[in-house]
């Protein structure tokens, strides 16, 4: 069953790429978009500036050690140079430029200890939405949904020419297309898991999620 699942995954991956004149597979890389594509996405042409030195998460609902560790991990993934900054920027904000310095995490139900089949992984991301202009948030009924939302958020960031970041005003609602998951002991990944987090290519992206003592993909 595991082999069949891996084969199905590879076939799905190959179906998203083309072939160049030399017979080599290729795909057009996405910028500021989530891959695999969410169930529903609405993006605007307006953008919001993200200052990596000022950015932080704010948990406004339930929390737990699993969530707190994930928030710190994704801060490091999204802004690997964040800790290298020794001085704060004193530039005056430009007119009509929206800045996103605090991103809200709204976990609506208590955390669960371990993942399981048919767990709720649905989440919503709102960035500068019409009903909440200038606000960024991930909303989910479960910590598993928040983890998926964090992965999507990390793909929405777009680096600019000055070393900063920005995101498009976006609304996303998403959940896994398939309930069946494959579980592998976390130690099997070892250093490879760390390496996959640093790899930014979207073509080879695998939806690997690690929880206490196990990983799923």
N, C-alpha and C. Protein backbone atom coordinates (compact mmCIF):
# COMPACT_ATOMS: atom_id res chain seq x y z
N UNK A 1 0.82 -1.21 0.00
CA UNK A 1 0.00 0.00 0.00
C UNK A 1 0.86 1.26 0.00
N UNK A 2 1.94 1.21 0.77
CA UNK A 2 2.81 2.37 0.82
C UNK A 2 3.43 2.64 -0.53
N UNK A 3 3.88 1.57 -1.22
CA UNK A 3 4.49 1.72 -2.54
C UNK A 3 3.49 2.29 -3.53
N UNK A 4 2.26 1.81 -3.49
CA UNK A 4 1.23 2.31 -4.40
C UNK A 4 0.96 3.79 -4.16
N UNK A 5 0.99 4.19 -2.87
CA UNK A 5 0.75 5.59 -2.55
C UNK A 5 1.86 6.48 -3.09
N UNK A 6 3.11 6.01 -2.95
CA UNK A 6 4.24 6.78 -3.46
C UNK A 6 4.18 6.90 -4.98
N UNK A 7 3.83 5.81 -5.67
CA UNK A 7 3.72 5.82 -7.12
C UNK A 7 2.64 6.81 -7.56
N UNK A 8 1.51 6.77 -6.86
CA UNK A 8 0.41 7.71 -7.18
C UNK A 8 0.85 9.14 -6.99
N UNK A 9 1.60 9.39 -5.91
CA UNK A 9 2.09 10.74 -5.65
C UNK A 9 3.02 11.21 -6.75
N UNK A 10 3.92 10.35 -7.21
CA UNK A 10 4.87 10.71 -8.27
C UNK A 10 4.16 10.96 -9.59
N UNK A 11 3.14 10.15 -9.88
CA UNK A 11 2.38 10.35 -11.12
C UNK A 11 1.68 11.70 -11.09
N UNK A 12 1.10 12.04 -9.93
CA UNK A 12 0.44 13.32 -9.80
C UNK A 12 1.41 14.47 -9.96
N UNK A 13 2.63 14.31 -9.41
CA UNK A 13 3.64 15.35 -9.53
C UNK A 13 4.08 15.54 -10.96
N UNK A 14 4.30 14.44 -11.67
CA UNK A 14 4.76 14.52 -13.05
C UNK A 14 3.69 15.12 -13.96
N UNK A 15 2.42 14.94 -13.59
CA UNK A 15 1.34 15.47 -14.42
C UNK A 15 1.27 16.98 -14.38
N UNK A 16 1.95 17.60 -13.41
CA UNK A 16 1.91 19.06 -13.28
C UNK A 16 3.06 19.73 -14.03
N UNK A 17 3.94 18.96 -14.64
CA UNK A 17 5.08 19.54 -15.34
C UNK A 17 5.00 19.22 -16.82
N UNK A 18 5.74 19.96 -17.63
CA UNK A 18 5.82 19.70 -19.06
C UNK A 18 7.17 19.11 -19.42
N UNK A 19 7.44 19.06 -20.71
CA UNK A 19 8.70 18.50 -21.20
C UNK A 19 9.29 19.49 -22.19
N UNK A 20 10.58 19.82 -22.02
CA UNK A 20 11.20 20.78 -22.94
C UNK A 20 11.69 20.07 -24.19
N UNK A 21 12.36 20.83 -25.08
CA UNK A 21 12.81 20.29 -26.36
C UNK A 21 13.79 19.14 -26.19
N UNK A 22 14.53 19.14 -25.08
CA UNK A 22 15.50 18.07 -24.84
C UNK A 22 14.92 16.88 -24.13
N UNK A 23 13.62 16.91 -23.88
CA UNK A 23 12.98 15.77 -23.22
C UNK A 23 13.05 15.83 -21.70
N UNK A 24 13.48 16.97 -21.16
CA UNK A 24 13.60 17.10 -19.71
C UNK A 24 12.35 17.74 -19.13
N UNK A 25 11.87 17.23 -17.99
CA UNK A 25 10.67 17.82 -17.39
C UNK A 25 10.95 19.22 -16.86
N UNK A 26 9.95 20.07 -16.91
CA UNK A 26 10.08 21.42 -16.39
C UNK A 26 8.72 21.87 -15.86
N UNK A 27 8.72 22.89 -15.06
CA UNK A 27 7.48 23.51 -14.57
C UNK A 27 7.76 24.98 -14.33
N UNK A 28 6.77 25.80 -14.56
CA UNK A 28 6.92 27.22 -14.31
C UNK A 28 6.80 27.46 -12.81
N UNK A 29 7.84 28.00 -12.17
CA UNK A 29 7.78 28.20 -10.72
C UNK A 29 6.75 29.28 -10.36
N UNK A 30 6.10 29.07 -9.24
CA UNK A 30 5.13 30.06 -8.76
C UNK A 30 5.81 31.01 -7.79
N UNK A 31 5.30 32.23 -7.72
CA UNK A 31 5.81 33.24 -6.81
C UNK A 31 4.64 33.78 -6.00
N UNK A 32 4.72 33.65 -4.70
CA UNK A 32 3.65 34.16 -3.85
C UNK A 32 2.37 33.37 -3.95
N UNK A 33 2.46 32.09 -4.33
CA UNK A 33 1.29 31.23 -4.43
C UNK A 33 1.54 29.93 -3.69
N UNK A 34 0.46 29.29 -3.29
CA UNK A 34 0.55 28.03 -2.55
C UNK A 34 0.51 26.86 -3.52
N UNK A 35 1.38 25.89 -3.28
CA UNK A 35 1.39 24.65 -4.07
C UNK A 35 1.54 23.46 -3.12
N UNK A 36 0.70 22.44 -3.27
CA UNK A 36 -0.41 22.27 -4.18
C UNK A 36 -1.49 23.34 -3.98
N UNK A 37 -2.22 23.62 -5.03
CA UNK A 37 -3.20 24.69 -4.98
C UNK A 37 -4.29 24.41 -3.93
N UNK A 38 -4.66 25.42 -3.16
CA UNK A 38 -5.72 25.24 -2.16
C UNK A 38 -7.08 25.02 -2.80
N UNK A 39 -8.05 24.63 -1.99
CA UNK A 39 -9.39 24.42 -2.49
C UNK A 39 -9.99 25.73 -3.01
N UNK A 40 -9.72 26.83 -2.33
CA UNK A 40 -10.25 28.13 -2.76
C UNK A 40 -9.25 29.22 -2.45
N UNK A 41 -8.96 30.05 -3.43
CA UNK A 41 -8.05 31.18 -3.26
C UNK A 41 -8.63 32.41 -3.95
N UNK A 42 -8.59 33.53 -3.26
CA UNK A 42 -8.96 34.81 -3.85
C UNK A 42 -7.85 35.80 -3.52
N UNK A 43 -7.16 36.27 -4.55
CA UNK A 43 -6.05 37.21 -4.37
C UNK A 43 -6.35 38.51 -5.08
N UNK A 44 -5.88 39.59 -4.49
CA UNK A 44 -6.04 40.92 -5.07
C UNK A 44 -4.69 41.41 -5.60
N UNK A 45 -4.71 42.50 -6.31
CA UNK A 45 -3.46 43.07 -6.82
C UNK A 45 -2.78 43.95 -5.77
N UNK A 46 -3.49 44.28 -4.70
CA UNK A 46 -2.90 45.08 -3.63
C UNK A 46 -1.94 44.22 -2.82
N UNK A 47 -0.92 44.86 -2.26
CA UNK A 47 0.09 44.13 -1.49
C UNK A 47 0.24 44.72 -0.10
N UNK A 48 0.82 43.90 0.77
CA UNK A 48 1.09 44.29 2.16
C UNK A 48 2.57 44.03 2.44
N UNK A 49 3.26 45.01 3.00
CA UNK A 49 4.68 44.88 3.31
C UNK A 49 4.86 44.06 4.59
N UNK A 50 5.85 43.18 4.59
CA UNK A 50 6.18 42.38 5.76
C UNK A 50 7.63 42.64 6.15
N UNK A 51 7.83 43.21 7.32
CA UNK A 51 9.18 43.50 7.83
C UNK A 51 9.61 42.32 8.70
N UNK A 52 10.60 41.57 8.23
CA UNK A 52 11.00 40.38 8.96
C UNK A 52 11.54 40.67 10.36
N UNK A 53 12.06 41.88 10.57
CA UNK A 53 12.60 42.22 11.88
C UNK A 53 11.51 42.59 12.88
N UNK A 54 10.32 42.92 12.38
CA UNK A 54 9.22 43.31 13.25
C UNK A 54 8.11 42.26 13.30
N UNK A 55 8.13 41.32 12.39
CA UNK A 55 7.04 40.35 12.26
C UNK A 55 6.98 39.42 13.46
N UNK A 56 5.76 39.11 13.90
CA UNK A 56 5.56 38.17 15.00
C UNK A 56 4.18 37.54 14.89
N UNK A 57 4.01 36.39 15.53
CA UNK A 57 2.71 35.73 15.62
C UNK A 57 2.05 36.09 16.94
N UNK A 58 0.74 36.21 16.91
CA UNK A 58 -0.03 36.49 18.11
C UNK A 58 -1.15 35.45 18.22
N UNK A 59 -1.10 34.61 19.22
CA UNK A 59 -2.11 33.57 19.42
C UNK A 59 -3.28 34.17 20.17
N UNK A 60 -4.44 34.23 19.54
CA UNK A 60 -5.61 34.84 20.16
C UNK A 60 -6.62 33.81 20.64
N UNK A 61 -6.37 32.53 20.38
CA UNK A 61 -7.28 31.48 20.81
C UNK A 61 -6.56 30.48 21.70
N UNK A 62 -6.86 29.20 21.49
CA UNK A 62 -6.21 28.14 22.25
C UNK A 62 -4.73 28.05 21.85
N UNK A 63 -3.94 27.49 22.76
CA UNK A 63 -2.53 27.28 22.45
C UNK A 63 -2.03 26.05 23.18
N UNK A 64 -0.82 25.61 22.82
CA UNK A 64 -0.21 24.44 23.44
C UNK A 64 1.25 24.40 23.01
N UNK A 65 2.09 23.59 23.66
CA UNK A 65 3.51 23.52 23.28
C UNK A 65 3.72 23.15 21.81
N UNK A 66 2.88 22.26 21.27
CA UNK A 66 3.01 21.88 19.86
C UNK A 66 2.87 23.09 18.96
N UNK A 67 1.89 23.91 19.24
CA UNK A 67 1.66 25.11 18.44
C UNK A 67 2.78 26.12 18.61
N UNK A 68 3.21 26.33 19.84
CA UNK A 68 4.27 27.31 20.10
C UNK A 68 5.56 26.93 19.40
N UNK A 69 5.89 25.64 19.42
CA UNK A 69 7.10 25.19 18.71
C UNK A 69 6.96 25.40 17.21
N UNK A 70 5.78 25.14 16.68
CA UNK A 70 5.55 25.31 15.25
C UNK A 70 5.69 26.78 14.84
N UNK A 71 5.19 27.68 15.65
CA UNK A 71 5.29 29.11 15.32
C UNK A 71 6.74 29.56 15.27
N UNK A 72 7.54 29.11 16.23
CA UNK A 72 8.95 29.48 16.21
C UNK A 72 9.66 28.84 15.02
N UNK A 73 9.30 27.61 14.71
CA UNK A 73 9.93 26.92 13.58
C UNK A 73 9.64 27.64 12.27
N UNK A 74 8.41 28.08 12.09
CA UNK A 74 8.06 28.75 10.84
C UNK A 74 8.59 30.17 10.77
N UNK A 75 8.81 30.82 11.90
CA UNK A 75 9.51 32.10 11.87
C UNK A 75 10.91 31.91 11.30
N UNK A 76 11.58 30.85 11.72
CA UNK A 76 12.93 30.56 11.23
C UNK A 76 12.92 30.17 9.76
N UNK A 77 11.87 29.46 9.32
CA UNK A 77 11.78 29.04 7.92
C UNK A 77 11.51 30.24 7.02
N UNK A 78 10.58 31.09 7.43
CA UNK A 78 10.18 32.22 6.58
C UNK A 78 11.23 33.32 6.55
N UNK A 79 11.92 33.51 7.68
CA UNK A 79 12.90 34.60 7.78
C UNK A 79 14.23 34.07 8.32
N UNK A 80 14.98 33.33 7.50
CA UNK A 80 16.24 32.75 7.98
C UNK A 80 17.28 33.78 8.37
N UNK A 81 17.18 35.00 7.86
CA UNK A 81 18.16 36.05 8.19
C UNK A 81 17.67 36.97 9.30
N UNK A 82 16.56 36.63 9.88
CA UNK A 82 15.95 37.49 10.89
C UNK A 82 16.87 37.77 12.06
N UNK A 83 17.53 36.75 12.57
CA UNK A 83 18.38 36.90 13.75
C UNK A 83 19.69 37.63 13.46
N UNK A 84 20.02 37.77 12.19
CA UNK A 84 21.27 38.42 11.84
C UNK A 84 21.17 39.94 11.91
N UNK A 85 19.96 40.45 11.96
CA UNK A 85 19.78 41.89 12.02
C UNK A 85 20.07 42.40 13.42
N UNK A 86 20.95 43.39 13.52
CA UNK A 86 21.35 43.90 14.84
C UNK A 86 20.76 45.28 15.13
N UNK A 87 20.28 45.96 14.10
CA UNK A 87 19.70 47.28 14.30
C UNK A 87 18.33 47.35 13.67
N UNK A 88 17.45 48.06 14.31
CA UNK A 88 16.08 48.20 13.79
C UNK A 88 16.07 49.27 12.70
N UNK A 89 15.21 49.08 11.73
CA UNK A 89 15.08 50.06 10.66
C UNK A 89 14.31 51.27 11.17
N UNK A 90 14.80 52.46 10.89
CA UNK A 90 14.17 53.68 11.36
C UNK A 90 13.52 54.47 10.24
N UNK A 91 13.37 53.83 9.09
CA UNK A 91 12.78 54.53 7.96
C UNK A 91 11.32 54.86 8.25
N UNK A 92 10.87 56.01 7.78
CA UNK A 92 9.49 56.39 7.95
C UNK A 92 8.63 55.60 6.96
N UNK A 93 7.49 55.10 7.41
CA UNK A 93 6.64 54.34 6.49
C UNK A 93 6.14 55.21 5.35
N UNK A 94 6.07 54.64 4.16
CA UNK A 94 5.60 55.37 3.00
C UNK A 94 4.07 55.50 3.05
N UNK A 95 3.57 56.55 2.46
CA UNK A 95 2.14 56.75 2.45
C UNK A 95 1.45 55.66 1.65
N UNK A 96 0.27 55.26 2.13
CA UNK A 96 -0.57 54.29 1.44
C UNK A 96 0.08 52.90 1.33
N UNK A 97 1.10 52.64 2.12
CA UNK A 97 1.73 51.32 2.13
C UNK A 97 1.30 50.59 3.40
N UNK A 98 0.61 49.46 3.23
CA UNK A 98 0.14 48.69 4.37
C UNK A 98 1.26 47.82 4.90
N UNK A 99 1.36 47.73 6.21
CA UNK A 99 2.42 46.96 6.85
C UNK A 99 1.79 45.88 7.72
N UNK A 100 2.32 44.67 7.61
CA UNK A 100 1.81 43.55 8.40
C UNK A 100 2.90 43.09 9.36
N UNK A 101 2.80 43.52 10.61
CA UNK A 101 3.83 43.20 11.59
C UNK A 101 3.39 42.12 12.58
N UNK A 102 2.09 41.96 12.76
CA UNK A 102 1.55 40.95 13.67
C UNK A 102 0.56 40.07 12.91
N UNK A 103 0.78 38.76 12.98
CA UNK A 103 -0.09 37.82 12.29
C UNK A 103 -0.82 36.99 13.33
N UNK A 104 -2.13 37.04 13.30
CA UNK A 104 -2.94 36.38 14.33
C UNK A 104 -3.13 34.89 14.04
N UNK A 105 -3.04 34.08 15.09
CA UNK A 105 -3.32 32.65 15.01
C UNK A 105 -4.56 32.40 15.85
N UNK A 106 -5.65 32.03 15.20
CA UNK A 106 -6.92 31.83 15.89
C UNK A 106 -7.26 30.34 15.91
N UNK A 107 -6.80 29.65 16.93
CA UNK A 107 -7.10 28.24 17.12
C UNK A 107 -8.38 28.16 17.96
N UNK A 108 -9.44 27.63 17.38
CA UNK A 108 -10.76 27.71 17.99
C UNK A 108 -11.11 26.53 18.90
N UNK A 109 -10.28 25.49 18.91
CA UNK A 109 -10.51 24.33 19.79
C UNK A 109 -9.21 23.93 20.46
N UNK A 110 -9.28 23.26 21.61
CA UNK A 110 -8.06 22.84 22.30
C UNK A 110 -7.20 21.93 21.42
N UNK A 111 -5.90 21.96 21.67
CA UNK A 111 -4.96 21.13 20.91
C UNK A 111 -5.22 19.65 21.17
N UNK A 112 -4.82 18.84 20.20
CA UNK A 112 -4.85 17.38 20.35
C UNK A 112 -3.42 16.88 20.41
N UNK A 113 -3.24 15.73 21.05
CA UNK A 113 -1.88 15.24 21.32
C UNK A 113 -1.22 14.61 20.11
N UNK A 114 -1.99 13.91 19.28
CA UNK A 114 -1.40 13.18 18.16
C UNK A 114 -2.38 13.18 16.98
N UNK A 115 -1.86 13.16 15.77
CA UNK A 115 -2.73 13.12 14.58
C UNK A 115 -3.41 11.76 14.44
N UNK A 116 -4.49 11.73 13.65
CA UNK A 116 -5.24 10.50 13.46
C UNK A 116 -6.00 10.59 12.15
N UNK A 117 -6.49 9.46 11.68
CA UNK A 117 -7.21 9.41 10.41
C UNK A 117 -8.50 10.23 10.51
N UNK A 118 -8.78 10.98 9.46
CA UNK A 118 -9.96 11.84 9.36
C UNK A 118 -9.94 13.01 10.34
N UNK A 119 -8.76 13.40 10.79
CA UNK A 119 -8.68 14.58 11.66
C UNK A 119 -9.00 15.82 10.84
N UNK A 120 -9.47 16.85 11.52
CA UNK A 120 -9.87 18.11 10.87
C UNK A 120 -8.62 18.93 10.58
N UNK A 121 -8.31 19.13 9.29
CA UNK A 121 -7.15 19.91 8.88
C UNK A 121 -7.54 21.15 8.08
N UNK A 122 -8.80 21.51 8.13
CA UNK A 122 -9.25 22.68 7.39
C UNK A 122 -8.75 23.95 8.05
N UNK A 123 -8.43 24.95 7.23
CA UNK A 123 -7.95 26.22 7.75
C UNK A 123 -8.35 27.34 6.81
N UNK A 124 -8.27 28.54 7.30
CA UNK A 124 -8.53 29.73 6.50
C UNK A 124 -7.42 30.73 6.74
N UNK A 125 -6.92 31.33 5.68
CA UNK A 125 -5.94 32.42 5.77
C UNK A 125 -6.59 33.69 5.24
N UNK A 126 -6.48 34.74 6.01
CA UNK A 126 -7.00 36.04 5.58
C UNK A 126 -5.89 37.08 5.73
N UNK A 127 -5.56 37.73 4.62
CA UNK A 127 -4.55 38.79 4.63
C UNK A 127 -5.16 40.02 3.96
N UNK A 128 -5.36 41.05 4.75
CA UNK A 128 -5.93 42.30 4.24
C UNK A 128 -7.23 42.03 3.49
N UNK A 129 -8.11 41.24 4.09
CA UNK A 129 -9.38 40.91 3.47
C UNK A 129 -10.36 42.08 3.60
N UNK A 130 -11.40 42.12 2.77
CA UNK A 130 -12.35 43.23 2.83
C UNK A 130 -13.00 43.42 4.20
N UNK A 131 -13.26 42.31 4.91
CA UNK A 131 -13.90 42.43 6.22
C UNK A 131 -12.90 42.74 7.34
N UNK A 132 -11.60 42.52 7.08
CA UNK A 132 -10.57 42.84 8.07
C UNK A 132 -9.36 43.45 7.37
N UNK A 133 -9.48 44.65 6.88
CA UNK A 133 -8.37 45.29 6.15
C UNK A 133 -7.15 45.49 7.05
N UNK A 134 -5.98 45.19 6.48
CA UNK A 134 -4.74 45.38 7.20
C UNK A 134 -4.42 44.31 8.22
N UNK A 135 -5.25 43.28 8.32
CA UNK A 135 -5.07 42.22 9.32
C UNK A 135 -4.69 40.93 8.62
N UNK A 136 -3.80 40.16 9.24
CA UNK A 136 -3.45 38.83 8.76
C UNK A 136 -3.77 37.79 9.80
N UNK A 137 -4.36 36.68 9.38
CA UNK A 137 -4.74 35.65 10.37
C UNK A 137 -4.84 34.28 9.74
N UNK A 138 -4.59 33.26 10.56
CA UNK A 138 -4.88 31.87 10.23
C UNK A 138 -5.95 31.43 11.21
N UNK A 139 -7.04 30.88 10.69
CA UNK A 139 -8.18 30.47 11.52
C UNK A 139 -8.44 28.99 11.29
N UNK A 140 -8.54 28.22 12.37
CA UNK A 140 -8.80 26.80 12.24
C UNK A 140 -9.41 26.25 13.53
N UNK A 141 -10.18 25.19 13.36
CA UNK A 141 -10.77 24.52 14.52
C UNK A 141 -9.78 23.57 15.19
N UNK A 142 -8.68 23.24 14.50
CA UNK A 142 -7.72 22.28 15.06
C UNK A 142 -6.29 22.75 14.87
N UNK A 143 -5.41 22.25 15.71
CA UNK A 143 -4.00 22.61 15.58
C UNK A 143 -3.42 22.07 14.29
N UNK A 144 -3.99 20.98 13.77
CA UNK A 144 -3.49 20.40 12.51
C UNK A 144 -3.80 21.35 11.35
N UNK A 145 -4.94 22.00 11.40
CA UNK A 145 -5.27 22.99 10.39
C UNK A 145 -4.34 24.20 10.45
N UNK A 146 -4.00 24.62 11.67
CA UNK A 146 -3.07 25.74 11.83
C UNK A 146 -1.72 25.39 11.23
N UNK A 147 -1.25 24.16 11.44
CA UNK A 147 0.05 23.75 10.89
C UNK A 147 0.03 23.81 9.36
N UNK A 148 -1.05 23.39 8.78
CA UNK A 148 -1.16 23.47 7.32
C UNK A 148 -1.21 24.92 6.86
N UNK A 149 -1.91 25.74 7.63
CA UNK A 149 -1.98 27.15 7.29
C UNK A 149 -0.62 27.82 7.35
N UNK A 150 0.20 27.44 8.32
CA UNK A 150 1.54 28.01 8.44
C UNK A 150 2.40 27.66 7.22
N UNK A 151 2.27 26.42 6.75
CA UNK A 151 3.03 26.02 5.56
C UNK A 151 2.60 26.84 4.36
N UNK A 152 1.29 27.05 4.21
CA UNK A 152 0.80 27.87 3.09
C UNK A 152 1.26 29.31 3.22
N UNK A 153 1.23 29.84 4.43
CA UNK A 153 1.67 31.22 4.65
C UNK A 153 3.13 31.39 4.24
N UNK A 154 3.96 30.40 4.53
CA UNK A 154 5.38 30.52 4.19
C UNK A 154 5.60 30.61 2.68
N UNK A 155 4.65 30.10 1.89
CA UNK A 155 4.78 30.15 0.44
C UNK A 155 4.22 31.44 -0.16
N UNK A 156 3.46 32.18 0.63
CA UNK A 156 2.87 33.42 0.14
C UNK A 156 3.86 34.59 0.14
N UNK A 157 4.92 34.46 0.94
CA UNK A 157 5.90 35.55 1.04
C UNK A 157 6.67 35.73 -0.27
N UNK A 158 6.84 36.98 -0.66
CA UNK A 158 7.58 37.30 -1.88
C UNK A 158 8.73 38.24 -1.51
N UNK A 159 9.97 37.86 -1.78
CA UNK A 159 11.09 38.77 -1.49
C UNK A 159 11.14 39.91 -2.48
N UNK A 160 11.51 41.10 -2.00
CA UNK A 160 11.67 42.23 -2.92
C UNK A 160 13.14 42.51 -3.16
N UNK A 161 13.42 43.50 -3.98
CA UNK A 161 14.80 43.78 -4.39
C UNK A 161 15.63 44.40 -3.27
N UNK A 162 14.97 44.88 -2.23
CA UNK A 162 15.69 45.54 -1.14
C UNK A 162 15.91 44.64 0.06
N UNK A 163 15.63 43.36 -0.11
CA UNK A 163 15.83 42.42 0.98
C UNK A 163 14.64 42.27 1.90
N UNK A 164 13.54 42.89 1.57
CA UNK A 164 12.33 42.77 2.37
C UNK A 164 11.37 41.75 1.78
N UNK A 165 10.13 41.77 2.29
CA UNK A 165 9.12 40.84 1.81
C UNK A 165 7.78 41.56 1.67
N UNK A 166 6.92 40.99 0.84
CA UNK A 166 5.55 41.47 0.75
C UNK A 166 4.65 40.30 0.38
N UNK A 167 3.35 40.48 0.60
CA UNK A 167 2.37 39.46 0.24
C UNK A 167 1.19 40.16 -0.44
N UNK A 168 0.50 39.42 -1.27
CA UNK A 168 -0.73 39.94 -1.87
C UNK A 168 -1.88 39.82 -0.88
N UNK A 169 -2.82 40.75 -0.98
CA UNK A 169 -4.04 40.63 -0.19
C UNK A 169 -4.75 39.35 -0.65
N UNK A 170 -4.94 38.43 0.28
CA UNK A 170 -5.35 37.08 -0.09
C UNK A 170 -6.34 36.49 0.91
N UNK A 171 -7.23 35.66 0.40
CA UNK A 171 -8.10 34.83 1.22
C UNK A 171 -7.99 33.39 0.73
N UNK A 172 -7.72 32.47 1.63
CA UNK A 172 -7.57 31.05 1.28
C UNK A 172 -8.42 30.21 2.22
N UNK A 173 -9.13 29.25 1.66
CA UNK A 173 -9.80 28.21 2.44
C UNK A 173 -9.35 26.87 1.88
N UNK A 174 -8.84 26.01 2.75
CA UNK A 174 -8.24 24.79 2.24
C UNK A 174 -8.38 23.65 3.23
N UNK A 175 -8.27 22.44 2.69
CA UNK A 175 -8.23 21.20 3.48
C UNK A 175 -7.69 20.12 2.57
N UNK A 176 -7.11 19.05 3.12
CA UNK A 176 -6.53 18.00 2.28
C UNK A 176 -7.58 17.36 1.39
N UNK A 177 -7.19 17.05 0.17
CA UNK A 177 -8.11 16.39 -0.75
C UNK A 177 -8.39 14.96 -0.37
N UNK A 178 -7.44 14.31 0.28
CA UNK A 178 -7.59 12.91 0.64
C UNK A 178 -7.39 12.73 2.14
N UNK A 179 -8.28 11.95 2.75
CA UNK A 179 -8.19 11.73 4.19
C UNK A 179 -7.11 10.72 4.54
N UNK A 180 -6.83 9.78 3.63
CA UNK A 180 -5.86 8.73 3.96
C UNK A 180 -4.45 9.28 3.93
N UNK A 181 -3.69 9.02 4.97
CA UNK A 181 -2.33 9.54 5.08
C UNK A 181 -1.37 8.39 5.38
N UNK A 182 -0.09 8.62 5.09
CA UNK A 182 0.96 7.65 5.39
C UNK A 182 1.79 8.18 6.54
N UNK A 183 2.00 7.34 7.53
CA UNK A 183 2.73 7.75 8.72
C UNK A 183 4.08 7.04 8.78
N UNK A 184 5.11 7.80 9.07
CA UNK A 184 6.47 7.27 9.16
C UNK A 184 7.11 7.84 10.41
N UNK A 185 7.92 7.03 11.07
CA UNK A 185 8.61 7.50 12.26
C UNK A 185 9.44 8.73 11.92
N UNK A 186 9.41 9.72 12.79
CA UNK A 186 10.07 10.99 12.50
C UNK A 186 11.58 10.81 12.34
N UNK A 187 12.17 9.87 13.08
CA UNK A 187 13.62 9.69 13.02
C UNK A 187 14.08 9.20 11.65
N UNK A 188 13.15 8.64 10.85
CA UNK A 188 13.51 8.16 9.52
C UNK A 188 13.98 9.31 8.63
N UNK A 189 13.36 10.48 8.82
CA UNK A 189 13.73 11.63 8.00
C UNK A 189 15.06 12.22 8.41
N UNK A 190 15.33 12.31 9.70
CA UNK A 190 16.60 12.83 10.19
C UNK A 190 16.92 14.19 9.60
N UNK A 191 18.15 14.32 9.15
CA UNK A 191 18.59 15.59 8.58
C UNK A 191 17.88 15.94 7.28
N UNK A 192 17.32 14.94 6.61
CA UNK A 192 16.63 15.20 5.35
C UNK A 192 15.43 16.10 5.55
N UNK A 193 14.76 15.97 6.70
CA UNK A 193 13.61 16.83 7.00
C UNK A 193 14.05 18.28 7.10
N UNK A 194 15.17 18.52 7.78
CA UNK A 194 15.69 19.88 7.91
C UNK A 194 16.06 20.43 6.55
N UNK A 195 16.68 19.60 5.73
CA UNK A 195 17.06 20.04 4.39
C UNK A 195 15.86 20.39 3.53
N UNK A 196 14.76 19.62 3.67
CA UNK A 196 13.57 19.90 2.86
C UNK A 196 12.96 21.23 3.22
N UNK A 197 13.07 21.65 4.48
CA UNK A 197 12.51 22.92 4.89
C UNK A 197 13.29 24.09 4.29
N UNK A 198 14.58 23.89 4.04
CA UNK A 198 15.40 24.95 3.49
C UNK A 198 15.29 25.03 1.98
N UNK A 199 14.76 23.95 1.36
CA UNK A 199 14.67 23.92 -0.10
C UNK A 199 13.45 24.70 -0.53
N UNK A 200 13.64 25.70 -1.38
CA UNK A 200 12.56 26.61 -1.76
C UNK A 200 11.88 26.23 -3.07
N UNK A 201 12.40 25.23 -3.79
CA UNK A 201 11.81 24.91 -5.08
C UNK A 201 10.41 24.33 -4.93
N UNK A 202 9.46 24.86 -5.69
CA UNK A 202 8.09 24.41 -5.58
C UNK A 202 7.85 23.12 -6.35
N UNK A 203 8.69 22.85 -7.37
CA UNK A 203 8.46 21.68 -8.19
C UNK A 203 8.61 20.40 -7.38
N UNK A 204 9.60 20.35 -6.51
CA UNK A 204 9.86 19.14 -5.73
C UNK A 204 9.21 19.19 -4.36
N UNK A 205 8.25 20.08 -4.19
CA UNK A 205 7.61 20.24 -2.88
C UNK A 205 6.80 19.00 -2.52
N UNK A 206 7.01 18.47 -1.33
CA UNK A 206 6.20 17.41 -0.77
C UNK A 206 5.57 17.93 0.51
N UNK A 207 4.29 17.61 0.70
CA UNK A 207 3.59 18.11 1.89
C UNK A 207 3.95 17.25 3.09
N UNK A 208 5.16 17.44 3.60
CA UNK A 208 5.64 16.68 4.75
C UNK A 208 5.29 17.44 6.02
N UNK A 209 4.57 16.78 6.92
CA UNK A 209 4.23 17.39 8.20
C UNK A 209 4.74 16.48 9.31
N UNK A 210 5.47 17.05 10.24
CA UNK A 210 6.01 16.28 11.34
C UNK A 210 5.34 16.68 12.64
N UNK A 211 4.88 15.69 13.36
CA UNK A 211 4.28 15.87 14.66
C UNK A 211 5.12 15.07 15.67
N UNK A 212 4.78 15.04 16.94
CA UNK A 212 5.58 14.28 17.90
C UNK A 212 5.71 12.82 17.50
N UNK A 213 6.94 12.38 17.24
CA UNK A 213 7.31 10.98 17.00
C UNK A 213 6.91 10.46 15.62
N UNK A 214 6.29 11.27 14.77
CA UNK A 214 5.91 10.73 13.49
C UNK A 214 5.78 11.86 12.46
N UNK A 215 5.85 11.45 11.17
CA UNK A 215 5.68 12.39 10.08
C UNK A 215 4.63 11.86 9.13
N UNK A 216 3.98 12.76 8.41
CA UNK A 216 3.01 12.37 7.41
C UNK A 216 3.31 13.08 6.11
N UNK A 217 3.00 12.43 4.98
CA UNK A 217 3.18 13.09 3.69
C UNK A 217 2.10 12.64 2.73
